[in-house]
Amino acid sequence: MLRCDIITIFPDFFRETFAYGIIRRARAAGLVELEAHDLRRWTSDKHRIVDDRPFGGGEGMVLKPEPIFAAVRELTGAASRKDYASQTRVILLSPQGRVFTQAMAQDLSQQTSHIVLICGRYEGVDERVADELVTDEVSIGDYVLSGGEPAALVVIDALIRLLPGAVGNESSTTNESFTESLLDCPQYTRPPEFSGLKVPEVLLNGHHAEIARWRREAALKKTERNRPDLLK
């Protein structure tokens, strides 16, 4: 079973999402255990403050290190990353991180049994968190969100669908975009003709070798058109 703990100041953000689709089915099947924890639980002051002004000046606020260190220590049983169990990863969702990819999702789904996701907020997170606690600093793209919560959902969904038994037809997770550094081929369904637009004839003839060849060529063309960087 994969255990996934999320550290956030908005735990309710995740509650409804976990009740739908593959995530719901994986939880019901006992494939994954998910819990969103309120970072304020690990504060020690009466106002439950989790942020403060950045040293050196500047705009915005920065998440303080103390509650995050306390949260990770409780959730992992270790005070720093050098002491984590071999299959534990602590991930900081951050615009400064490595871009999340399908290869990274596959690695995490196969090599880990416990993942802690730290959701950044405001101007960022005190760098001592990244220096001492984090095994992976991850970004889901070259843009800035208001917080790490949407990014955490992206990572969770990508991981869970790769767990054995999470998807009904497991071949669907091996024959899709990015598994071979290509986008997926175009897909069609009934009716074979709609408003004068026809499905490619090759997909209707039942000749599996021809269909496979067409799909490969179509995937290459679509990748060249939409993501030529992948072909490099």
C-alpha atoms as a PDB file:
ATOM      1  CA  MET A   1       0.000   0.000   0.000  1.00  0.00           C
ATOM      2  CA  LEU A   2       1.147   3.530  -0.767  1.00  0.00           C
ATOM      3  CA  ARG A   3       0.751   5.991   2.085  1.00  0.00           C
ATOM      4  CA  CYS A   4       0.545   9.652   1.131  1.00  0.00           C
ATOM      5  CA  ASP A   5       0.503  12.459   3.712  1.00  0.00           C
ATOM      6  CA  ILE A   6      -0.138  16.043   2.608  1.00  0.00           C
ATOM      7  CA  ILE A   7       0.984  19.007   4.709  1.00  0.00           C
ATOM      8  CA  THR A   8      -1.136  22.047   3.907  1.00  0.00           C
ATOM      9  CA  ILE A   9      -2.884  25.021   5.480  1.00  0.00           C
ATOM     10  CA  PHE A  10      -6.038  24.067   3.556  1.00  0.00           C
ATOM     11  CA  PRO A  11      -6.789  20.379   4.282  1.00  0.00           C
ATOM     12  CA  ASP A  12     -10.404  20.775   3.180  1.00  0.00           C
ATOM     13  CA  PHE A  13      -9.137  21.522  -0.339  1.00  0.00           C
ATOM     14  CA  PHE A  14      -8.546  17.777  -0.815  1.00  0.00           C
ATOM     15  CA  ARG A  15     -11.611  16.266   0.834  1.00  0.00           C
ATOM     16  CA  GLU A  16     -14.038  16.307  -2.096  1.00  0.00           C
ATOM     17  CA  THR A  17     -11.409  15.414  -4.683  1.00  0.00           C
ATOM     18  CA  PHE A  18     -10.495  12.204  -2.886  1.00  0.00           C
ATOM     19  CA  ALA A  19     -14.116  11.035  -3.232  1.00  0.00           C
ATOM     20  CA  TYR A  20     -14.074  10.708  -7.033  1.00  0.00           C
ATOM     21  CA  GLY A  21     -12.670   8.589  -9.852  1.00  0.00           C
ATOM     22  CA  ILE A  22      -9.516   6.511  -9.670  1.00  0.00           C
ATOM     23  CA  ILE A  23      -8.487   8.038  -6.345  1.00  0.00           C
ATOM     24  CA  ARG A  24     -11.745   6.921  -4.709  1.00  0.00           C
ATOM     25  CA  ARG A  25     -11.503   3.421  -6.202  1.00  0.00           C
ATOM     26  CA  ALA A  26      -7.857   3.015  -5.178  1.00  0.00           C
ATOM     27  CA  ARG A  27      -8.675   4.022  -1.611  1.00  0.00           C
ATOM     28  CA  ALA A  28     -11.636   1.640  -1.476  1.00  0.00           C
ATOM     29  CA  ALA A  29      -9.438  -1.195  -2.780  1.00  0.00           C
ATOM     30  CA  GLY A  30      -6.803  -0.554  -0.123  1.00  0.00           C
ATOM     31  CA  LEU A  31      -4.141   0.458  -2.646  1.00  0.00           C
ATOM     32  CA  VAL A  32      -3.479   3.870  -1.152  1.00  0.00           C
ATOM     33  CA  GLU A  33      -3.947   5.689   2.136  1.00  0.00           C
ATOM     34  CA  LEU A  34      -4.356   9.458   1.820  1.00  0.00           C
ATOM     35  CA  GLU A  35      -4.550  12.096   4.517  1.00  0.00           C
ATOM     36  CA  ALA A  36      -4.348  15.891   4.363  1.00  0.00           C
ATOM     37  CA  HIS A  37      -2.930  17.421   7.552  1.00  0.00           C
ATOM     38  CA  ASP A  38      -3.403  20.998   8.723  1.00  0.00           C
ATOM     39  CA  LEU A  39       0.051  22.556   9.161  1.00  0.00           C
ATOM     40  CA  ARG A  40      -1.337  24.713  11.990  1.00  0.00           C
ATOM     41  CA  ARG A  41      -1.614  21.557  14.095  1.00  0.00           C
ATOM     42  CA  TRP A  42       2.170  21.742  14.599  1.00  0.00           C
ATOM     43  CA  THR A  43       2.340  25.389  15.683  1.00  0.00           C
ATOM     44  CA  SER A  44       3.116  26.265  19.307  1.00  0.00           C
ATOM     45  CA  ASP A  45       1.733  29.798  19.632  1.00  0.00           C
ATOM     46  CA  LYS A  46      -1.859  30.647  20.544  1.00  0.00           C
ATOM     47  CA  HIS A  47      -2.511  32.282  17.159  1.00  0.00           C
ATOM     48  CA  ARG A  48      -1.260  29.213  15.241  1.00  0.00           C
ATOM     49  CA  ILE A  49       0.959  31.317  12.985  1.00  0.00           C
ATOM     50  CA  VAL A  50       2.633  29.443  10.122  1.00  0.00           C
ATOM     51  CA  ASP A  51       4.235  32.330   8.192  1.00  0.00           C
ATOM     52  CA  ASP A  52       6.382  35.421   8.716  1.00  0.00           C
ATOM     53  CA  ARG A  53       8.075  38.207   6.748  1.00  0.00           C
ATOM     54  CA  PRO A  54      11.147  37.335   4.658  1.00  0.00           C
ATOM     55  CA  PHE A  55      14.566  38.346   5.950  1.00  0.00           C
ATOM     56  CA  GLY A  56      16.171  40.951   3.697  1.00  0.00           C
ATOM     57  CA  GLY A  57      12.842  42.542   2.846  1.00  0.00           C
ATOM     58  CA  GLY A  58      10.545  41.929  -0.058  1.00  0.00           C
ATOM     59  CA  GLU A  59       6.900  41.264  -0.683  1.00  0.00           C
ATOM     60  CA  GLY A  60       4.775  38.453   0.634  1.00  0.00           C
ATOM     61  CA  MET A  61       5.165  36.060   3.499  1.00  0.00           C
ATOM     62  CA  VAL A  62       7.227  32.888   3.913  1.00  0.00           C
ATOM     63  CA  LEU A  63       6.140  29.640   5.567  1.00  0.00           C
ATOM     64  CA  LYS A  64       8.081  29.169   8.792  1.00  0.00           C
ATOM     65  CA  PRO A  65      10.371  26.159   9.262  1.00  0.00           C
ATOM     66  CA  GLU A  66       9.360  25.099  12.794  1.00  0.00           C
ATOM     67  CA  PRO A  67       5.879  23.683  12.092  1.00  0.00           C
ATOM     68  CA  ILE A  68       7.019  21.964   8.899  1.00  0.00           C
ATOM     69  CA  PHE A  69       9.968  20.314  10.645  1.00  0.00           C
ATOM     70  CA  ALA A  70       7.642  19.159  13.438  1.00  0.00           C
ATOM     71  CA  ALA A  71       5.100  17.806  10.941  1.00  0.00           C
ATOM     72  CA  VAL A  72       7.661  15.865   8.907  1.00  0.00           C
ATOM     73  CA  ARG A  73       9.278  14.505  12.061  1.00  0.00           C
ATOM     74  CA  GLU A  74       5.941  13.166  13.301  1.00  0.00           C
ATOM     75  CA  LEU A  75       4.826  11.772   9.940  1.00  0.00           C
ATOM     76  CA  THR A  76       8.124  10.080   9.029  1.00  0.00           C
ATOM     77  CA  GLY A  77       9.580   9.353  12.436  1.00  0.00           C
ATOM     78  CA  ALA A  78      12.822  11.041  11.343  1.00  0.00           C
ATOM     79  CA  ALA A  79      14.331  14.471  11.980  1.00  0.00           C
ATOM     80  CA  SER A  80      16.008  14.886   8.573  1.00  0.00           C
ATOM     81  CA  ARG A  81      16.171  13.203   5.178  1.00  0.00           C
ATOM     82  CA  LYS A  82      19.331  11.242   5.976  1.00  0.00           C
ATOM     83  CA  ASP A  83      17.291   9.253   8.519  1.00  0.00           C
ATOM     84  CA  TYR A  84      14.226   8.447   6.385  1.00  0.00           C
ATOM     85  CA  ALA A  85      13.275   4.861   5.638  1.00  0.00           C
ATOM     86  CA  SER A  86      14.529   3.737   2.231  1.00  0.00           C
ATOM     87  CA  GLN A  87      11.090   3.956   0.589  1.00  0.00           C
ATOM     88  CA  THR A  88      10.133   7.342   2.062  1.00  0.00           C
ATOM     89  CA  ARG A  89      10.174  10.501  -0.067  1.00  0.00           C
ATOM     90  CA  VAL A  90       9.392  14.024   1.159  1.00  0.00           C
ATOM     91  CA  ILE A  91       8.355  16.268  -1.722  1.00  0.00           C
ATOM     92  CA  LEU A  92       8.113  20.048  -1.686  1.00  0.00           C
ATOM     93  CA  LEU A  93       5.764  21.435  -4.353  1.00  0.00           C
ATOM     94  CA  SER A  94       7.525  24.553  -5.580  1.00  0.00           C
ATOM     95  CA  PRO A  95       8.003  26.620  -8.768  1.00  0.00           C
ATOM     96  CA  GLN A  96      11.747  26.202  -8.174  1.00  0.00           C
ATOM     97  CA  GLY A  97      11.614  22.405  -8.385  1.00  0.00           C
ATOM     98  CA  ARG A  98      12.347  19.898 -11.147  1.00  0.00           C
ATOM     99  CA  VAL A  99       9.493  19.662 -13.618  1.00  0.00           C
ATOM    100  CA  PHE A 100       7.246  16.696 -12.843  1.00  0.00           C
ATOM    101  CA  THR A 101       7.223  14.101 -15.624  1.00  0.00           C
ATOM    102  CA  GLN A 102       5.705  10.710 -16.350  1.00  0.00           C
ATOM    103  CA  ALA A 103       9.114   9.136 -15.732  1.00  0.00           C
ATOM    104  CA  MET A 104       9.225  10.743 -12.282  1.00  0.00           C
ATOM    105  CA  ALA A 105       5.687   9.501 -11.561  1.00  0.00           C
ATOM    106  CA  GLN A 106       6.708   5.960 -12.529  1.00  0.00           C
ATOM    107  CA  ASP A 107       9.798   6.121 -10.338  1.00  0.00           C
ATOM    108  CA  LEU A 108       7.826   7.340  -7.326  1.00  0.00           C
ATOM    109  CA  SER A 109       5.047   4.770  -7.787  1.00  0.00           C
ATOM    110  CA  GLN A 110       7.540   1.893  -8.016  1.00  0.00           C
ATOM    111  CA  GLN A 111      10.193   2.930  -5.501  1.00  0.00           C
ATOM    112  CA  THR A 112       8.200   4.417  -2.610  1.00  0.00           C
ATOM    113  CA  SER A 113       5.741   3.238   0.004  1.00  0.00           C
ATOM    114  CA  HIS A 114       5.405   6.549   1.875  1.00  0.00           C
ATOM    115  CA  ILE A 115       5.260  10.017   0.341  1.00  0.00           C
ATOM    116  CA  VAL A 116       4.933  13.293   2.237  1.00  0.00           C
ATOM    117  CA  LEU A 117       3.862  16.257   0.109  1.00  0.00           C
ATOM    118  CA  ILE A 118       4.539  19.754   1.437  1.00  0.00           C
ATOM    119  CA  CYS A 119       2.313  22.390  -0.136  1.00  0.00           C
ATOM    120  CA  GLY A 120       4.049  25.746  -0.454  1.00  0.00           C
ATOM    121  CA  ARG A 121       2.142  29.024  -0.035  1.00  0.00           C
ATOM    122  CA  TYR A 122       2.593  32.770  -0.148  1.00  0.00           C
ATOM    123  CA  GLU A 123       6.104  33.809  -1.231  1.00  0.00           C
ATOM    124  CA  GLY A 124       7.489  30.349  -0.568  1.00  0.00           C
ATOM    125  CA  VAL A 125       8.885  28.095   2.140  1.00  0.00           C
ATOM    126  CA  ASP A 126      11.899  28.730   4.367  1.00  0.00           C
ATOM    127  CA  GLU A 127      14.868  27.259   2.466  1.00  0.00           C
ATOM    128  CA  ARG A 128      15.978  25.222   5.469  1.00  0.00           C
ATOM    129  CA  VAL A 129      13.045  22.915   4.735  1.00  0.00           C
ATOM    130  CA  ALA A 130      14.464  22.141   1.277  1.00  0.00           C
ATOM    131  CA  ASP A 131      18.013  21.883   2.654  1.00  0.00           C
ATOM    132  CA  GLU A 132      17.289  19.411   5.455  1.00  0.00           C
ATOM    133  CA  LEU A 133      13.954  17.664   4.947  1.00  0.00           C
ATOM    134  CA  VAL A 134      13.127  17.440   1.266  1.00  0.00           C
ATOM    135  CA  THR A 135      14.181  14.564  -0.989  1.00  0.00           C
ATOM    136  CA  ASP A 136      12.526  16.041  -4.086  1.00  0.00           C
ATOM    137  CA  GLU A 137      11.582  19.622  -4.960  1.00  0.00           C
ATOM    138  CA  VAL A 138       8.955  19.364  -7.690  1.00  0.00           C
ATOM    139  CA  SER A 139       7.175  21.779 -10.014  1.00  0.00           C
ATOM    140  CA  ILE A 140       4.275  20.778 -12.273  1.00  0.00           C
ATOM    141  CA  GLY A 141       5.144  23.419 -14.869  1.00  0.00           C
ATOM    142  CA  ASP A 142       6.712  26.748 -15.670  1.00  0.00           C
ATOM    143  CA  TYR A 143       4.041  28.923 -14.100  1.00  0.00           C
ATOM    144  CA  VAL A 144       3.147  30.104 -10.589  1.00  0.00           C
ATOM    145  CA  LEU A 145       0.119  28.946  -8.593  1.00  0.00           C
ATOM    146  CA  SER A 146      -1.281  30.506  -5.440  1.00  0.00           C
ATOM    147  CA  GLY A 147      -0.194  27.408  -3.542  1.00  0.00           C
ATOM    148  CA  GLY A 148       1.029  23.835  -3.808  1.00  0.00           C
ATOM    149  CA  GLU A 149      -2.370  22.206  -3.283  1.00  0.00           C
ATOM    150  CA  PRO A 150      -3.353  21.892  -6.990  1.00  0.00           C
ATOM    151  CA  ALA A 151       0.159  20.613  -7.744  1.00  0.00           C
ATOM    152  CA  ALA A 152      -0.140  18.008  -4.983  1.00  0.00           C
ATOM    153  CA  LEU A 153      -3.362  16.726  -6.558  1.00  0.00           C
ATOM    154  CA  VAL A 154      -1.621  16.410  -9.928  1.00  0.00           C
ATOM    155  CA  VAL A 155       1.194  14.360  -8.391  1.00  0.00           C
ATOM    156  CA  ILE A 156      -1.214  12.160  -6.419  1.00  0.00           C
ATOM    157  CA  ASP A 157      -3.412  11.411  -9.425  1.00  0.00           C
ATOM    158  CA  ALA A 158      -0.420  10.613 -11.646  1.00  0.00           C
ATOM    159  CA  LEU A 159       1.021   8.237  -9.022  1.00  0.00           C
ATOM    160  CA  ILE A 160      -2.164   6.429  -8.075  1.00  0.00           C
ATOM    161  CA  ARG A 161      -3.148   5.522 -11.620  1.00  0.00           C
ATOM    162  CA  LEU A 162       0.217   3.737 -11.961  1.00  0.00           C
ATOM    163  CA  LEU A 163      -0.371   1.495  -8.939  1.00  0.00           C
ATOM    164  CA  PRO A 164      -1.129  -2.129  -9.914  1.00  0.00           C
ATOM    165  CA  GLY A 165      -4.888  -2.630  -9.768  1.00  0.00           C
ATOM    166  CA  ALA A 166      -5.812   1.066  -9.741  1.00  0.00           C
ATOM    167  CA  VAL A 167      -6.835   1.156 -13.421  1.00  0.00           C
ATOM    168  CA  GLY A 168      -9.156  -1.507 -14.810  1.00  0.00           C
ATOM    169  CA  ASN A 169      -7.105  -2.092 -17.965  1.00  0.00           C
ATOM    170  CA  GLU A 170      -3.482  -1.716 -16.900  1.00  0.00           C
ATOM    171  CA  SER A 171      -2.229  -1.642 -20.498  1.00  0.00           C
ATOM    172  CA  SER A 172      -3.848   1.781 -20.766  1.00  0.00           C
ATOM    173  CA  THR A 173      -1.131   3.190 -18.496  1.00  0.00           C
ATOM    174  CA  THR A 174       1.655   1.833 -20.714  1.00  0.00           C
ATOM    175  CA  ASN A 175       0.234   2.864 -24.084  1.00  0.00           C
ATOM    176  CA  GLU A 176      -0.326   6.574 -23.566  1.00  0.00           C
ATOM    177  CA  SER A 177       1.363   9.946 -23.820  1.00  0.00           C
ATOM    178  CA  PHE A 178       4.978  10.259 -22.595  1.00  0.00           C
ATOM    179  CA  THR A 179       5.598   6.533 -22.044  1.00  0.00           C
ATOM    180  CA  GLU A 180       7.926   6.542 -25.083  1.00  0.00           C
ATOM    181  CA  SER A 181       8.693  10.275 -25.169  1.00  0.00           C
ATOM    182  CA  LEU A 182       5.783  10.655 -27.572  1.00  0.00           C
ATOM    183  CA  LEU A 183       2.294  12.021 -27.273  1.00  0.00           C
ATOM    184  CA  ASP A 184      -0.528   9.525 -27.578  1.00  0.00           C
ATOM    185  CA  CYS A 185      -2.002   8.912 -31.012  1.00  0.00           C
ATOM    186  CA  PRO A 186      -5.367  10.499 -31.959  1.00  0.00           C
ATOM    187  CA  GLN A 187      -8.378   8.567 -30.665  1.00  0.00           C
ATOM    188  CA  TYR A 188     -11.815   8.143 -32.281  1.00  0.00           C
ATOM    189  CA  THR A 189     -15.098   6.519 -31.321  1.00  0.00           C
ATOM    190  CA  ARG A 190     -18.615   6.065 -32.756  1.00  0.00           C
ATOM    191  CA  PRO A 191     -20.190   7.304 -34.947  1.00  0.00           C
ATOM    192  CA  PRO A 192     -17.765   6.648 -37.839  1.00  0.00           C
ATOM    193  CA  GLU A 193     -19.001   9.837 -39.515  1.00  0.00           C
ATOM    194  CA  PHE A 194     -20.185  13.009 -37.804  1.00  0.00           C
ATOM    195  CA  SER A 195     -21.143  16.236 -39.613  1.00  0.00           C
ATOM    196  CA  GLY A 196     -19.154  15.066 -42.621  1.00  0.00           C
ATOM    197  CA  LEU A 197     -16.071  14.307 -40.509  1.00  0.00           C
ATOM    198  CA  LYS A 198     -14.933  10.707 -40.953  1.00  0.00           C
ATOM    199  CA  VAL A 199     -12.857   8.394 -38.798  1.00  0.00           C
ATOM    200  CA  PRO A 200      -9.682   7.290 -40.633  1.00  0.00           C
ATOM    201  CA  GLU A 201     -10.561   4.218 -42.679  1.00  0.00           C
ATOM    202  CA  VAL A 202      -7.618   2.218 -41.365  1.00  0.00           C
ATOM    203  CA  LEU A 203      -9.158   2.157 -37.873  1.00  0.00           C
ATOM    204  CA  LEU A 204     -12.278   0.470 -39.224  1.00  0.00           C
ATOM    205  CA  ASN A 205     -10.712  -2.374 -41.206  1.00  0.00           C
ATOM    206  CA  GLY A 206      -9.748  -4.619 -38.283  1.00  0.00           C
ATOM    207  CA  HIS A 207      -6.183  -5.123 -39.539  1.00  0.00           C
ATOM    208  CA  HIS A 208      -4.170  -4.867 -36.322  1.00  0.00           C
ATOM    209  CA  ALA A 209      -0.739  -4.445 -37.891  1.00  0.00           C
ATOM    210  CA  GLU A 210      -1.949  -1.609 -40.118  1.00  0.00           C
ATOM    211  CA  ILE A 211      -3.722   0.035 -37.184  1.00  0.00           C
ATOM    212  CA  ALA A 212      -0.553  -0.178 -35.045  1.00  0.00           C
ATOM    213  CA  ARG A 213       1.530   1.332 -37.847  1.00  0.00           C
ATOM    214  CA  TRP A 214      -1.000   4.156 -38.390  1.00  0.00           C
ATOM    215  CA  ARG A 215      -1.114   4.923 -34.657  1.00  0.00           C
ATOM    216  CA  ARG A 216       2.668   5.099 -34.431  1.00  0.00           C
ATOM    217  CA  GLU A 217       2.901   7.440 -37.427  1.00  0.00           C
ATOM    218  CA  ALA A 218       0.010   9.576 -36.142  1.00  0.00           C
ATOM    219  CA  ALA A 219       1.644   9.831 -32.695  1.00  0.00           C
ATOM    220  CA  LEU A 220       4.885  10.999 -34.293  1.00  0.00           C
ATOM    221  CA  LYS A 221       3.058  13.628 -36.360  1.00  0.00           C
ATOM    222  CA  LYS A 222       1.109  14.894 -33.355  1.00  0.00           C
ATOM    223  CA  THR A 223       4.254  15.084 -31.239  1.00  0.00           C
ATOM    224  CA  GLU A 224       6.091  16.956 -33.999  1.00  0.00           C
ATOM    225  CA  ARG A 225       3.219  19.424 -34.251  1.00  0.00           C
ATOM    226  CA  ASN A 226       2.451  19.987 -30.546  1.00  0.00           C
ATOM    227  CA  ARG A 227       5.629  19.028 -28.645  1.00  0.00           C
ATOM    228  CA  PRO A 228       8.650  18.930 -30.980  1.00  0.00           C
ATOM    229  CA  ASP A 229      10.911  19.214 -27.931  1.00  0.00           C
ATOM    230  CA  LEU A 230      10.059  15.609 -27.028  1.00  0.00           C
ATOM    231  CA  LEU A 231      11.557  14.330 -30.281  1.00  0.00           C
ATOM    232  CA  LYS A 232      14.980  15.732 -29.375  1.00  0.00           C
END
